[in-house]
């Protein structure tokens, strides 16, 4: 697996325009692995948010936490625009860092707009 990206703010998604999860971490790649494995349960596991669709590295954990708080206060549309501006195809960015592609249920189509 590639180098660690830390500290970082990140957005995970269940599918394109699906459920979003915003988080902050001191070890992005480890945290993505935990989301994908459902290690912690809770919201992200219940809503199957396993695809890394956006992230931003920060020089300090304090600045990352501040950014996370600001993003969580944003309207959903602004968050979607943020993802679209950096990742218009909603690619799973975790693949670029050595993760295996997710196996999606055949009943779920990634390009669904709803």
PDB file of N, CA and C in Angstrom:
ATOM      1  N   UNK A   1       0.846  -1.178   0.000  1.00  0.00           N
ATOM      2  CA  UNK A   1       0.000   0.000   0.000  1.00  0.00           C
ATOM      3  C   UNK A   1       0.892   1.242   0.000  1.00  0.00           C
ATOM      4  N   UNK A   2       0.408   2.303  -0.585  1.00  0.00           N
ATOM      5  CA  UNK A   2       1.185   3.535  -0.720  1.00  0.00           C
ATOM      6  C   UNK A   2       1.355   4.250   0.617  1.00  0.00           C
ATOM      7  N   UNK A   3       2.077   5.331   0.581  1.00  0.00           N
ATOM      8  CA  UNK A   3       2.372   6.126   1.778  1.00  0.00           C
ATOM      9  C   UNK A   3       1.098   6.607   2.467  1.00  0.00           C
ATOM     10  N   UNK A   4       1.265   6.978   3.718  1.00  0.00           N
ATOM     11  CA  UNK A   4       0.146   7.518   4.478  1.00  0.00           C
ATOM     12  C   UNK A   4      -0.106   8.970   4.079  1.00  0.00           C
ATOM     13  N   UNK A   5      -1.348   9.388   4.154  1.00  0.00           N
ATOM     14  CA  UNK A   5      -1.725  10.772   3.911  1.00  0.00           C
ATOM     15  C   UNK A   5      -2.311  11.276   5.221  1.00  0.00           C
ATOM     16  N   UNK A   6      -1.578  12.147   5.895  1.00  0.00           N
ATOM     17  CA  UNK A   6      -2.021  12.563   7.229  1.00  0.00           C
ATOM     18  C   UNK A   6      -1.571  13.969   7.532  1.00  0.00           C
ATOM     19  N   UNK A   7      -2.290  14.685   8.330  1.00  0.00           N
ATOM     20  CA  UNK A   7      -3.713  14.515   8.630  1.00  0.00           C
ATOM     21  C   UNK A   7      -4.556  14.824   7.393  1.00  0.00           C
ATOM     22  N   UNK A   8      -5.800  14.379   7.401  1.00  0.00           N
ATOM     23  CA  UNK A   8      -6.646  14.566   6.227  1.00  0.00           C
ATOM     24  C   UNK A   8      -8.120  14.651   6.607  1.00  0.00           C
ATOM     25  N   UNK A   9      -8.846  15.390   5.791  1.00  0.00           N
ATOM     26  CA  UNK A   9     -10.304  15.418   5.823  1.00  0.00           C
ATOM     27  C   UNK A   9     -10.738  14.633   4.593  1.00  0.00           C
ATOM     28  N   UNK A  10     -11.792  13.852   4.714  1.00  0.00           N
ATOM     29  CA  UNK A  10     -12.174  13.001   3.596  1.00  0.00           C
ATOM     30  C   UNK A  10     -13.683  12.859   3.498  1.00  0.00           C
ATOM     31  N   UNK A  11     -14.138  12.515   2.297  1.00  0.00           N
ATOM     32  CA  UNK A  11     -15.540  12.210   2.036  1.00  0.00           C
ATOM     33  C   UNK A  11     -15.625  10.807   1.468  1.00  0.00           C
ATOM     34  N   UNK A  12     -16.460   9.994   2.095  1.00  0.00           N
ATOM     35  CA  UNK A  12     -16.758   8.654   1.606  1.00  0.00           C
ATOM     36  C   UNK A  12     -18.191   8.685   1.081  1.00  0.00           C
ATOM     37  N   UNK A  13     -18.492   7.825   0.099  1.00  0.00           N
ATOM     38  CA  UNK A  13     -19.844   7.776  -0.460  1.00  0.00           C
ATOM     39  C   UNK A  13     -20.295   6.335  -0.628  1.00  0.00           C
ATOM     40  N   UNK A  14     -21.613   6.147  -0.578  1.00  0.00           N
ATOM     41  CA  UNK A  14     -22.183   4.825  -0.817  1.00  0.00           C
ATOM     42  C   UNK A  14     -22.300   4.563  -2.312  1.00  0.00           C
ATOM     43  N   UNK A  15     -22.532   5.607  -3.074  1.00  0.00           N
ATOM     44  CA  UNK A  15     -22.634   5.553  -4.534  1.00  0.00           C
ATOM     45  C   UNK A  15     -22.656   6.991  -5.023  1.00  0.00           C
ATOM     46  N   UNK A  16     -22.652   7.178  -6.315  1.00  0.00           N
ATOM     47  CA  UNK A  16     -22.728   8.528  -6.872  1.00  0.00           C
ATOM     48  C   UNK A  16     -24.006   9.199  -6.371  1.00  0.00           C
ATOM     49  N   UNK A  17     -23.870  10.386  -5.809  1.00  0.00           N
ATOM     50  CA  UNK A  17     -24.989  11.150  -5.250  1.00  0.00           C
ATOM     51  C   UNK A  17     -25.710  10.417  -4.126  1.00  0.00           C
ATOM     52  N   UNK A  18     -25.054   9.428  -3.536  1.00  0.00           N
ATOM     53  CA  UNK A  18     -25.654   8.654  -2.452  1.00  0.00           C
ATOM     54  C   UNK A  18     -25.343   9.250  -1.092  1.00  0.00           C
ATOM     55  N   UNK A  19     -25.342   8.394  -0.092  1.00  0.00           N
ATOM     56  CA  UNK A  19     -25.051   8.813   1.271  1.00  0.00           C
ATOM     57  C   UNK A  19     -23.597   9.236   1.377  1.00  0.00           C
ATOM     58  N   UNK A  20     -23.356  10.347   2.062  1.00  0.00           N
ATOM     59  CA  UNK A  20     -22.003  10.867   2.246  1.00  0.00           C
ATOM     60  C   UNK A  20     -21.595  10.783   3.709  1.00  0.00           C
ATOM     61  N   UNK A  21     -20.308  10.574   3.921  1.00  0.00           N
ATOM     62  CA  UNK A  21     -19.740  10.597   5.266  1.00  0.00           C
ATOM     63  C   UNK A  21     -18.516  11.494   5.225  1.00  0.00           C
ATOM     64  N   UNK A  22     -18.449  12.470   6.117  1.00  0.00           N
ATOM     65  CA  UNK A  22     -17.288  13.355   6.221  1.00  0.00           C
ATOM     66  C   UNK A  22     -16.532  12.975   7.478  1.00  0.00           C
ATOM     67  N   UNK A  23     -15.221  12.814   7.344  1.00  0.00           N
ATOM     68  CA  UNK A  23     -14.415  12.469   8.501  1.00  0.00           C
ATOM     69  C   UNK A  23     -13.073  13.164   8.483  1.00  0.00           C
ATOM     70  N   UNK A  24     -12.375  13.042   9.591  1.00  0.00           N
ATOM     71  CA  UNK A  24     -11.019  13.570   9.732  1.00  0.00           C
ATOM     72  C   UNK A  24     -10.188  12.463  10.360  1.00  0.00           C
ATOM     73  N   UNK A  25      -8.931  12.372   9.972  1.00  0.00           N
ATOM     74  CA  UNK A  25      -8.094  11.289  10.470  1.00  0.00           C
ATOM     75  C   UNK A  25      -6.625  11.680  10.465  1.00  0.00           C
ATOM     76  N   UNK A  26      -5.869  10.991  11.285  1.00  0.00           N
ATOM     77  CA  UNK A  26      -4.418  11.173  11.278  1.00  0.00           C
ATOM     78  C   UNK A  26      -3.752  10.161  10.351  1.00  0.00           C
ATOM     79  N   UNK A  27      -4.528   9.213   9.811  1.00  0.00           N
ATOM     80  CA  UNK A  27      -3.990   8.185   8.922  1.00  0.00           C
ATOM     81  C   UNK A  27      -5.076   7.801   7.917  1.00  0.00           C
ATOM     82  N   UNK A  28      -5.100   8.476   6.777  1.00  0.00           N
ATOM     83  CA  UNK A  28      -6.180   8.301   5.803  1.00  0.00           C
ATOM     84  C   UNK A  28      -6.288   6.869   5.291  1.00  0.00           C
ATOM     85  N   UNK A  29      -5.181   6.280   4.912  1.00  0.00           N
ATOM     86  CA  UNK A  29      -5.256   4.947   4.317  1.00  0.00           C
ATOM     87  C   UNK A  29      -5.748   3.902   5.314  1.00  0.00           C
ATOM     88  N   UNK A  30      -5.309   4.019   6.549  1.00  0.00           N
ATOM     89  CA  UNK A  30      -5.797   3.104   7.583  1.00  0.00           C
ATOM     90  C   UNK A  30      -7.296   3.315   7.814  1.00  0.00           C
ATOM     91  N   UNK A  31      -7.707   4.569   7.834  1.00  0.00           N
ATOM     92  CA  UNK A  31      -9.120   4.863   8.086  1.00  0.00           C
ATOM     93  C   UNK A  31      -9.993   4.378   6.939  1.00  0.00           C
ATOM     94  N   UNK A  32      -9.533   4.519   5.707  1.00  0.00           N
ATOM     95  CA  UNK A  32     -10.284   4.009   4.556  1.00  0.00           C
ATOM     96  C   UNK A  32     -10.430   2.490   4.673  1.00  0.00           C
ATOM     97  N   UNK A  33      -9.362   1.810   5.054  1.00  0.00           N
ATOM     98  CA  UNK A  33      -9.429   0.354   5.240  1.00  0.00           C
ATOM     99  C   UNK A  33     -10.466  -0.004   6.300  1.00  0.00           C
ATOM    100  N   UNK A  34     -10.538   0.779   7.359  1.00  0.00           N
ATOM    101  CA  UNK A  34     -11.526   0.523   8.413  1.00  0.00           C
ATOM    102  C   UNK A  34     -12.950   0.731   7.901  1.00  0.00           C
ATOM    103  N   UNK A  35     -13.165   1.767   7.108  1.00  0.00           N
ATOM    104  CA  UNK A  35     -14.493   1.986   6.518  1.00  0.00           C
ATOM    105  C   UNK A  35     -14.871   0.805   5.632  1.00  0.00           C
ATOM    106  N   UNK A  36     -13.943   0.370   4.798  1.00  0.00           N
ATOM    107  CA  UNK A  36     -14.235  -0.704   3.855  1.00  0.00           C
ATOM    108  C   UNK A  36     -14.507  -2.026   4.560  1.00  0.00           C
ATOM    109  N   UNK A  37     -13.858  -2.237   5.696  1.00  0.00           N
ATOM    110  CA  UNK A  37     -14.045  -3.479   6.457  1.00  0.00           C
ATOM    111  C   UNK A  37     -15.228  -3.391   7.421  1.00  0.00           C
ATOM    112  N   UNK A  38     -15.772  -2.194   7.623  1.00  0.00           N
ATOM    113  CA  UNK A  38     -16.869  -2.018   8.573  1.00  0.00           C
ATOM    114  C   UNK A  38     -16.430  -2.188  10.018  1.00  0.00           C
ATOM    115  N   UNK A  39     -15.156  -1.907  10.283  1.00  0.00           N
ATOM    116  CA  UNK A  39     -14.543  -2.131  11.594  1.00  0.00           C
ATOM    117  C   UNK A  39     -15.276  -1.459  12.740  1.00  0.00           C
ATOM    118  N   UNK A  40     -15.697  -0.219  12.545  1.00  0.00           N
ATOM    119  CA  UNK A  40     -16.279   0.530  13.647  1.00  0.00           C
ATOM    120  C   UNK A  40     -17.796   0.506  13.689  1.00  0.00           C
ATOM    121  N   UNK A  41     -18.433  -0.072  12.689  1.00  0.00           N
ATOM    122  CA  UNK A  41     -19.891  -0.050  12.686  1.00  0.00           C
ATOM    123  C   UNK A  41     -20.393   1.370  12.541  1.00  0.00           C
ATOM    124  N   UNK A  42     -21.488   1.674  13.201  1.00  0.00           N
ATOM    125  CA  UNK A  42     -22.017   3.028  13.191  1.00  0.00           C
ATOM    126  C   UNK A  42     -22.566   3.457  11.845  1.00  0.00           C
ATOM    127  N   UNK A  43     -22.601   4.773  11.643  1.00  0.00           N
ATOM    128  CA  UNK A  43     -23.221   5.379  10.468  1.00  0.00           C
ATOM    129  C   UNK A  43     -22.632   4.864   9.165  1.00  0.00           C
ATOM    130  N   UNK A  44     -21.312   4.894   9.050  1.00  0.00           N
ATOM    131  CA  UNK A  44     -20.693   4.537   7.768  1.00  0.00           C
ATOM    132  C   UNK A  44     -20.954   3.082   7.403  1.00  0.00           C
ATOM    133  N   UNK A  45     -20.950   2.186   8.378  1.00  0.00           N
ATOM    134  CA  UNK A  45     -21.244   0.776   8.100  1.00  0.00           C
ATOM    135  C   UNK A  45     -22.723   0.588   7.779  1.00  0.00           C
ATOM    136  N   UNK A  46     -23.590   1.257   8.513  1.00  0.00           N
ATOM    137  CA  UNK A  46     -25.033   1.121   8.301  1.00  0.00           C
ATOM    138  C   UNK A  46     -25.457   1.626   6.926  1.00  0.00           C
ATOM    139  N   UNK A  47     -24.742   2.617   6.408  1.00  0.00           N
ATOM    140  CA  UNK A  47     -25.101   3.215   5.123  1.00  0.00           C
ATOM    141  C   UNK A  47     -24.158   2.802   3.996  1.00  0.00           C
ATOM    142  N   UNK A  48     -23.270   1.862   4.275  1.00  0.00           N
ATOM    143  CA  UNK A  48     -22.378   1.288   3.261  1.00  0.00           C
ATOM    144  C   UNK A  48     -21.548   2.349   2.532  1.00  0.00           C
ATOM    145  N   UNK A  49     -21.023   3.310   3.281  1.00  0.00           N
ATOM    146  CA  UNK A  49     -20.164   4.334   2.675  1.00  0.00           C
ATOM    147  C   UNK A  49     -18.721   3.837   2.692  1.00  0.00           C
ATOM    148  N   UNK A  50     -18.296   3.280   1.553  1.00  0.00           N
ATOM    149  CA  UNK A  50     -16.990   2.630   1.468  1.00  0.00           C
ATOM    150  C   UNK A  50     -16.097   3.189   0.377  1.00  0.00           C
ATOM    151  N   UNK A  51     -16.597   4.115  -0.404  1.00  0.00           N
ATOM    152  CA  UNK A  51     -15.845   4.640  -1.537  1.00  0.00           C
ATOM    153  C   UNK A  51     -15.268   6.013  -1.198  1.00  0.00           C
ATOM    154  N   UNK A  52     -13.957   6.147  -1.283  1.00  0.00           N
ATOM    155  CA  UNK A  52     -13.293   7.428  -1.032  1.00  0.00           C
ATOM    156  C   UNK A  52     -13.448   8.292  -2.277  1.00  0.00           C
ATOM    157  N   UNK A  53     -14.230   9.366  -2.176  1.00  0.00           N
ATOM    158  CA  UNK A  53     -14.498  10.190  -3.355  1.00  0.00           C
ATOM    159  C   UNK A  53     -13.824  11.559  -3.311  1.00  0.00           C
ATOM    160  N   UNK A  54     -13.308  11.948  -2.147  1.00  0.00           N
ATOM    161  CA  UNK A  54     -12.619  13.239  -2.021  1.00  0.00           C
ATOM    162  C   UNK A  54     -11.799  13.227  -0.746  1.00  0.00           C
ATOM    163  N   UNK A  55     -10.630  13.869  -0.786  1.00  0.00           N
ATOM    164  CA  UNK A  55      -9.869  14.085   0.443  1.00  0.00           C
ATOM    165  C   UNK A  55      -8.976  15.298   0.270  1.00  0.00           C
ATOM    166  N   UNK A  56      -8.529  15.811   1.402  1.00  0.00           N
ATOM    167  CA  UNK A  56      -7.681  16.994   1.422  1.00  0.00           C
ATOM    168  C   UNK A  56      -6.700  16.818   2.577  1.00  0.00           C
ATOM    169  N   UNK A  57      -5.412  16.875   2.283  1.00  0.00           N
ATOM    170  CA  UNK A  57      -4.416  16.749   3.351  1.00  0.00           C
ATOM    171  C   UNK A  57      -4.195  18.113   4.004  1.00  0.00           C
ATOM    172  N   UNK A  58      -3.768  18.075   5.263  1.00  0.00           N
ATOM    173  CA  UNK A  58      -3.561  19.302   6.041  1.00  0.00           C
ATOM    174  C   UNK A  58      -2.228  19.241   6.767  1.00  0.00           C
ATOM    175  N   UNK A  59      -1.628  20.404   7.034  1.00  0.00           N
ATOM    176  CA  UNK A  59      -0.337  20.419   7.737  1.00  0.00           C
ATOM    177  C   UNK A  59      -0.453  20.029   9.212  1.00  0.00           C
ATOM    178  N   UNK A  60      -1.626  20.279   9.797  1.00  0.00           N
ATOM    179  CA  UNK A  60      -1.813  19.944  11.214  1.00  0.00           C
ATOM    180  C   UNK A  60      -3.183  19.308  11.414  1.00  0.00           C
ATOM    181  N   UNK A  61      -3.315  18.546  12.483  1.00  0.00           N
ATOM    182  CA  UNK A  61      -4.605  17.948  12.819  1.00  0.00           C
ATOM    183  C   UNK A  61      -5.618  19.038  13.166  1.00  0.00           C
ATOM    184  N   UNK A  62      -5.153  20.103  13.781  1.00  0.00           N
ATOM    185  CA  UNK A  62      -6.049  21.199  14.144  1.00  0.00           C
ATOM    186  C   UNK A  62      -6.705  21.811  12.908  1.00  0.00           C
ATOM    187  N   UNK A  63      -5.923  22.040  11.857  1.00  0.00           N
ATOM    188  CA  UNK A  63      -6.504  22.623  10.640  1.00  0.00           C
ATOM    189  C   UNK A  63      -7.444  21.628   9.960  1.00  0.00           C
ATOM    190  N   UNK A  64      -7.127  20.343  10.028  1.00  0.00           N
ATOM    191  CA  UNK A  64      -7.999  19.321   9.448  1.00  0.00           C
ATOM    192  C   UNK A  64      -9.336  19.268  10.189  1.00  0.00           C
ATOM    193  N   UNK A  65      -9.294  19.334  11.516  1.00  0.00           N
ATOM    194  CA  UNK A  65     -10.526  19.305  12.313  1.00  0.00           C
ATOM    195  C   UNK A  65     -11.385  20.533  12.018  1.00  0.00           C
ATOM    196  N   UNK A  66     -10.758  21.681  11.895  1.00  0.00           N
ATOM    197  CA  UNK A  66     -11.493  22.907  11.579  1.00  0.00           C
ATOM    198  C   UNK A  66     -12.180  22.782  10.217  1.00  0.00           C
ATOM    199  N   UNK A  67     -11.462  22.264   9.240  1.00  0.00           N
ATOM    200  CA  UNK A  67     -12.034  22.085   7.898  1.00  0.00           C
ATOM    201  C   UNK A  67     -13.188  21.083   7.932  1.00  0.00           C
ATOM    202  N   UNK A  68     -13.023  19.986   8.683  1.00  0.00           N
ATOM    203  CA  UNK A  68     -14.099  18.992   8.799  1.00  0.00           C
ATOM    204  C   UNK A  68     -15.358  19.641   9.368  1.00  0.00           C
ATOM    205  N   UNK A  69     -15.203  20.426  10.405  1.00  0.00           N
ATOM    206  CA  UNK A  69     -16.359  21.094  11.022  1.00  0.00           C
ATOM    207  C   UNK A  69     -17.042  22.028  10.032  1.00  0.00           C
ATOM    208  N   UNK A  70     -16.252  22.744   9.260  1.00  0.00           N
ATOM    209  CA  UNK A  70     -16.830  23.648   8.253  1.00  0.00           C
ATOM    210  C   UNK A  70     -17.589  22.863   7.187  1.00  0.00           C
ATOM    211  N   UNK A  71     -16.991  21.779   6.702  1.00  0.00           N
ATOM    212  CA  UNK A  71     -17.649  20.972   5.670  1.00  0.00           C
ATOM    213  C   UNK A  71     -18.942  20.349   6.182  1.00  0.00           C
ATOM    214  N   UNK A  72     -18.945  19.910   7.422  1.00  0.00           N
ATOM    215  CA  UNK A  72     -20.157  19.307   7.989  1.00  0.00           C
ATOM    216  C   UNK A  72     -21.294  20.323   8.078  1.00  0.00           C
ATOM    217  N   UNK A  73     -20.964  21.604   8.151  1.00  0.00           N
ATOM    218  CA  UNK A  73     -21.985  22.657   8.202  1.00  0.00           C
ATOM    219  C   UNK A  73     -22.497  23.039   6.809  1.00  0.00           C
ATOM    220  N   UNK A  74     -21.820  22.596   5.769  1.00  0.00           N
ATOM    221  CA  UNK A  74     -22.216  22.919   4.400  1.00  0.00           C
ATOM    222  C   UNK A  74     -23.526  22.238   4.032  1.00  0.00           C
ATOM    223  N   UNK A  75     -24.238  22.846   3.081  1.00  0.00           N
ATOM    224  CA  UNK A  75     -25.409  22.215   2.479  1.00  0.00           C
ATOM    225  C   UNK A  75     -24.939  21.034   1.631  1.00  0.00           C
ATOM    226  N   UNK A  76     -25.810  20.052   1.476  1.00  0.00           N
ATOM    227  CA  UNK A  76     -25.469  18.857   0.705  1.00  0.00           C
ATOM    228  C   UNK A  76     -25.016  19.215  -0.719  1.00  0.00           C
ATOM    229  N   UNK A  77     -25.705  20.141  -1.353  1.00  0.00           N
ATOM    230  CA  UNK A  77     -25.351  20.527  -2.716  1.00  0.00           C
ATOM    231  C   UNK A  77     -23.931  21.044  -2.834  1.00  0.00           C
ATOM    232  N   UNK A  78     -23.485  21.779  -1.837  1.00  0.00           N
ATOM    233  CA  UNK A  78     -22.113  22.291  -1.841  1.00  0.00           C
ATOM    234  C   UNK A  78     -21.118  21.140  -1.741  1.00  0.00           C
ATOM    235  N   UNK A  79     -21.446  20.135  -0.940  1.00  0.00           N
ATOM    236  CA  UNK A  79     -20.566  18.965  -0.799  1.00  0.00           C
ATOM    237  C   UNK A  79     -20.496  18.203  -2.121  1.00  0.00           C
ATOM    238  N   UNK A  80     -21.646  18.054  -2.782  1.00  0.00           N
ATOM    239  CA  UNK A  80     -21.658  17.375  -4.080  1.00  0.00           C
ATOM    240  C   UNK A  80     -20.823  18.151  -5.090  1.00  0.00           C
ATOM    241  N   UNK A  81     -20.933  19.472  -5.080  1.00  0.00           N
ATOM    242  CA  UNK A  81     -20.130  20.305  -5.984  1.00  0.00           C
ATOM    243  C   UNK A  81     -18.635  20.149  -5.704  1.00  0.00           C
ATOM    244  N   UNK A  82     -18.273  20.053  -4.430  1.00  0.00           N
ATOM    245  CA  UNK A  82     -16.867  19.865  -4.055  1.00  0.00           C
ATOM    246  C   UNK A  82     -16.334  18.558  -4.643  1.00  0.00           C
ATOM    247  N   UNK A  83     -17.111  17.497  -4.502  1.00  0.00           N
ATOM    248  CA  UNK A  83     -16.705  16.202  -5.061  1.00  0.00           C
ATOM    249  C   UNK A  83     -16.608  16.299  -6.573  1.00  0.00           C
ATOM    250  N   UNK A  84     -17.651  16.827  -7.206  1.00  0.00           N
ATOM    251  CA  UNK A  84     -17.694  16.921  -8.671  1.00  0.00           C
ATOM    252  C   UNK A  84     -16.535  17.741  -9.233  1.00  0.00           C
ATOM    253  N   UNK A  85     -16.116  18.793  -8.523  1.00  0.00           N
ATOM    254  CA  UNK A  85     -15.039  19.644  -9.034  1.00  0.00           C
ATOM    255  C   UNK A  85     -13.698  18.913  -9.052  1.00  0.00           C
ATOM    256  N   UNK A  86     -13.482  18.019  -8.113  1.00  0.00           N
ATOM    257  CA  UNK A  86     -12.207  17.300  -8.031  1.00  0.00           C
ATOM    258  C   UNK A  86     -12.281  15.893  -8.619  1.00  0.00           C
ATOM    259  N   UNK A  87     -13.470  15.313  -8.642  1.00  0.00           N
ATOM    260  CA  UNK A  87     -13.638  13.909  -9.022  1.00  0.00           C
ATOM    261  C   UNK A  87     -14.977  13.755  -9.754  1.00  0.00           C
ATOM    262  N   UNK A  88     -15.089  14.320 -10.973  1.00  0.00           N
ATOM    263  CA  UNK A  88     -16.379  14.339 -11.667  1.00  0.00           C
ATOM    264  C   UNK A  88     -16.968  12.962 -11.962  1.00  0.00           C
ATOM    265  N   UNK A  89     -16.140  11.943 -12.035  1.00  0.00           N
ATOM    266  CA  UNK A  89     -16.636  10.588 -12.297  1.00  0.00           C
ATOM    267  C   UNK A  89     -16.919   9.806 -11.022  1.00  0.00           C
ATOM    268  N   UNK A  90     -16.696  10.437  -9.874  1.00  0.00           N
ATOM    269  CA  UNK A  90     -16.903   9.792  -8.572  1.00  0.00           C
ATOM    270  C   UNK A  90     -16.104   8.489  -8.476  1.00  0.00           C
ATOM    271  N   UNK A  91     -14.892   8.510  -9.016  1.00  0.00           N
ATOM    272  CA  UNK A  91     -14.021   7.336  -8.913  1.00  0.00           C
ATOM    273  C   UNK A  91     -13.700   7.054  -7.457  1.00  0.00           C
ATOM    274  N   UNK A  92     -13.486   5.801  -7.133  1.00  0.00           N
ATOM    275  CA  UNK A  92     -13.032   5.428  -5.794  1.00  0.00           C
ATOM    276  C   UNK A  92     -11.533   5.708  -5.742  1.00  0.00           C
ATOM    277  N   UNK A  93     -11.152   6.798  -5.112  1.00  0.00           N
ATOM    278  CA  UNK A  93      -9.756   7.234  -5.074  1.00  0.00           C
ATOM    279  C   UNK A  93      -8.863   6.283  -4.291  1.00  0.00           C
ATOM    280  N   UNK A  94      -9.451   5.437  -3.475  1.00  0.00           N
ATOM    281  CA  UNK A  94      -8.669   4.472  -2.697  1.00  0.00           C
ATOM    282  C   UNK A  94      -7.916   3.505  -3.611  1.00  0.00           C
ATOM    283  N   UNK A  95      -8.450   3.248  -4.785  1.00  0.00           N
ATOM    284  CA  UNK A  95      -7.798   2.342  -5.738  1.00  0.00           C
ATOM    285  C   UNK A  95      -6.422   2.875  -6.120  1.00  0.00           C
ATOM    286  N   UNK A  96      -6.286   4.196  -6.199  1.00  0.00           N
ATOM    287  CA  UNK A  96      -5.000   4.813  -6.531  1.00  0.00           C
ATOM    288  C   UNK A  96      -3.939   4.563  -5.462  1.00  0.00           C
ATOM    289  N   UNK A  97      -4.371   4.148  -4.288  1.00  0.00           N
ATOM    290  CA  UNK A  97      -3.460   3.914  -3.159  1.00  0.00           C
ATOM    291  C   UNK A  97      -3.369   2.443  -2.784  1.00  0.00           C
ATOM    292  N   UNK A  98      -3.684   1.566  -3.734  1.00  0.00           N
ATOM    293  CA  UNK A  98      -3.465   0.143  -3.542  1.00  0.00           C
ATOM    294  C   UNK A  98      -4.646  -0.674  -3.066  1.00  0.00           C
ATOM    295  N   UNK A  99      -5.806  -0.049  -2.887  1.00  0.00           N
ATOM    296  CA  UNK A  99      -6.987  -0.803  -2.467  1.00  0.00           C
ATOM    297  C   UNK A  99      -7.601  -1.518  -3.668  1.00  0.00           C
ATOM    298  N   UNK A 100      -8.214  -2.654  -3.405  1.00  0.00           N
ATOM    299  CA  UNK A 100      -8.920  -3.390  -4.449  1.00  0.00           C
ATOM    300  C   UNK A 100     -10.226  -2.661  -4.779  1.00  0.00           C
ATOM    301  N   UNK A 101     -10.661  -2.734  -6.040  1.00  0.00           N
ATOM    302  CA  UNK A 101     -11.970  -2.143  -6.372  1.00  0.00           C
ATOM    303  C   UNK A 101     -13.072  -2.815  -5.554  1.00  0.00           C
ATOM    304  N   UNK A 102     -14.076  -2.040  -5.197  1.00  0.00           N
ATOM    305  CA  UNK A 102     -15.205  -2.581  -4.441  1.00  0.00           C
ATOM    306  C   UNK A 102     -16.051  -3.467  -5.337  1.00  0.00           C
ATOM    307  N   UNK A 103     -16.587  -4.512  -4.760  1.00  0.00           N
ATOM    308  CA  UNK A 103     -17.515  -5.383  -5.470  1.00  0.00           C
ATOM    309  C   UNK A 103     -18.915  -4.876  -5.182  1.00  0.00           C
ATOM    310  N   UNK A 104     -19.529  -4.250  -6.169  1.00  0.00           N
ATOM    311  CA  UNK A 104     -20.852  -3.683  -5.979  1.00  0.00           C
ATOM    312  C   UNK A 104     -21.920  -4.725  -6.262  1.00  0.00           C
ATOM    313  N   UNK A 105     -22.990  -4.653  -5.517  1.00  0.00           N
ATOM    314  CA  UNK A 105     -24.163  -5.482  -5.742  1.00  0.00           C
ATOM    315  C   UNK A 105     -24.657  -5.190  -7.157  1.00  0.00           C
ATOM    316  N   UNK A 106     -24.983  -6.218  -7.921  1.00  0.00           N
ATOM    317  CA  UNK A 106     -25.407  -6.021  -9.306  1.00  0.00           C
ATOM    318  C   UNK A 106     -26.700  -5.221  -9.401  1.00  0.00           C
ATOM    319  N   UNK A 107     -27.454  -5.119  -8.303  1.00  0.00           N
ATOM    320  CA  UNK A 107     -28.686  -4.332  -8.330  1.00  0.00           C
ATOM    321  C   UNK A 107     -28.408  -2.842  -8.153  1.00  0.00           C
ATOM    322  N   UNK A 108     -27.170  -2.499  -7.823  1.00  0.00           N
ATOM    323  CA  UNK A 108     -26.801  -1.098  -7.624  1.00  0.00           C
ATOM    324  C   UNK A 108     -25.954  -0.649  -8.801  1.00  0.00           C
ATOM    325  N   UNK A 109     -26.396   0.400  -9.456  1.00  0.00           N
ATOM    326  CA  UNK A 109     -25.630   0.942 -10.570  1.00  0.00           C
ATOM    327  C   UNK A 109     -24.978   2.230 -10.114  1.00  0.00           C
ATOM    328  N   UNK A 110     -23.651   2.314 -10.218  1.00  0.00           N
ATOM    329  CA  UNK A 110     -22.888   3.465  -9.725  1.00  0.00           C
ATOM    330  C   UNK A 110     -23.355   4.773 -10.347  1.00  0.00           C
ATOM    331  N   UNK A 111     -23.795   4.739 -11.587  1.00  0.00           N
ATOM    332  CA  UNK A 111     -24.151   5.977 -12.273  1.00  0.00           C
ATOM    333  C   UNK A 111     -25.578   6.436 -12.012  1.00  0.00           C
ATOM    334  N   UNK A 112     -26.298   5.762 -11.112  1.00  0.00           N
ATOM    335  CA  UNK A 112     -27.648   6.214 -10.776  1.00  0.00           C
ATOM    336  C   UNK A 112     -27.589   7.649 -10.284  1.00  0.00           C
ATOM    337  N   UNK A 113     -28.499   8.437 -10.710  1.00  0.00           N
ATOM    338  CA  UNK A 113     -28.540   9.842 -10.299  1.00  0.00           C
ATOM    339  C   UNK A 113     -29.358  10.038  -9.028  1.00  0.00           C
ATOM    340  N   UNK A 114     -30.094   9.067  -8.589  1.00  0.00           N
ATOM    341  CA  UNK A 114     -30.970   9.245  -7.441  1.00  0.00           C
ATOM    342  C   UNK A 114     -30.594   8.506  -6.270  1.00  0.00           C
TER     343      UNK A 114
END
